[in-house]
Amino acid sequence: MSGLPFLRGRFFIARHGETVFNAAGRMQGDAMDTPLTRAGFAQADAMGEGLAHFLGDGSRPAHLWASPYGRALQTLAIVCEHIGEDWHRARRDARLSEINVGGWGGRSYAEIIAEQGDIMDRSVGLFAVRPPEGEWYDEIAARLTSWLGQHGSDDGDKLVIMHGMSSRVLRGLMTGLGADARWGAPIAPSLPQGSMVMIEDGVERVIHLGAGHAPA
């Protein structure tokens, strides 16, 4: 069961599709406008098809949520087409944003690693060091806990389009994982880019497994 017993309904949580920054190996973090690639559009299409198949002719999400970044909103628009929803009724919330990478923003992973060594823990797909002037996982958990506290008890199902690292924290919170001492937050296992899960009563089920490989 979830450690957040006030949550109601099913939560469909998805990573956006691949972006031009992902394809180029660049840090995007809180970059507002990094559009989807053709692969990213295909991933969003596949998620939308998977969700439509899962829902069948039954209910549709009562609430549409997205990170305010363009890549999440583009992905949401495509998913909405598949399930017959109106993209314009979606709400945006900065608390659903990706990890803020501070001074790394816009730079390539290769360039940063050449300067200071490997910044990733490859075994879990997370940053091993805090981004300069950026954010850490406990801060992501705090903002997502705030979002859940405000909207998690709303009646009805919720579709949430967000990002790689921040969605792992949200999934960890919702499935009742304990906080990992190294990261200071509960973090769910990584899923490929373009993946969607459903969480209900603290139990996670994969709706669509994506084909992307970018860390965030």
Foldseek 3Di string as FASTA:
>chain_A
DFPPVLFAAKEKEAEQFAFPCLVVQADAFPPQDTAHDPRRLVLLLQLLQLVCVVQPPHDDFPAEEEANGPRLLVSVVNSCVSNVHDSVRHDHDNLQAGWFLPPRHGPHQVVVCVVPNHQAPVVQLHGQDHRVVTDALLVSLVSLVVVCVVPRNDYGYYYYYYHFFSVQQNLQNGLHHDQDPSRRGRGHGGAAHSWIWMADPNDIDTSDGGDHDGSD
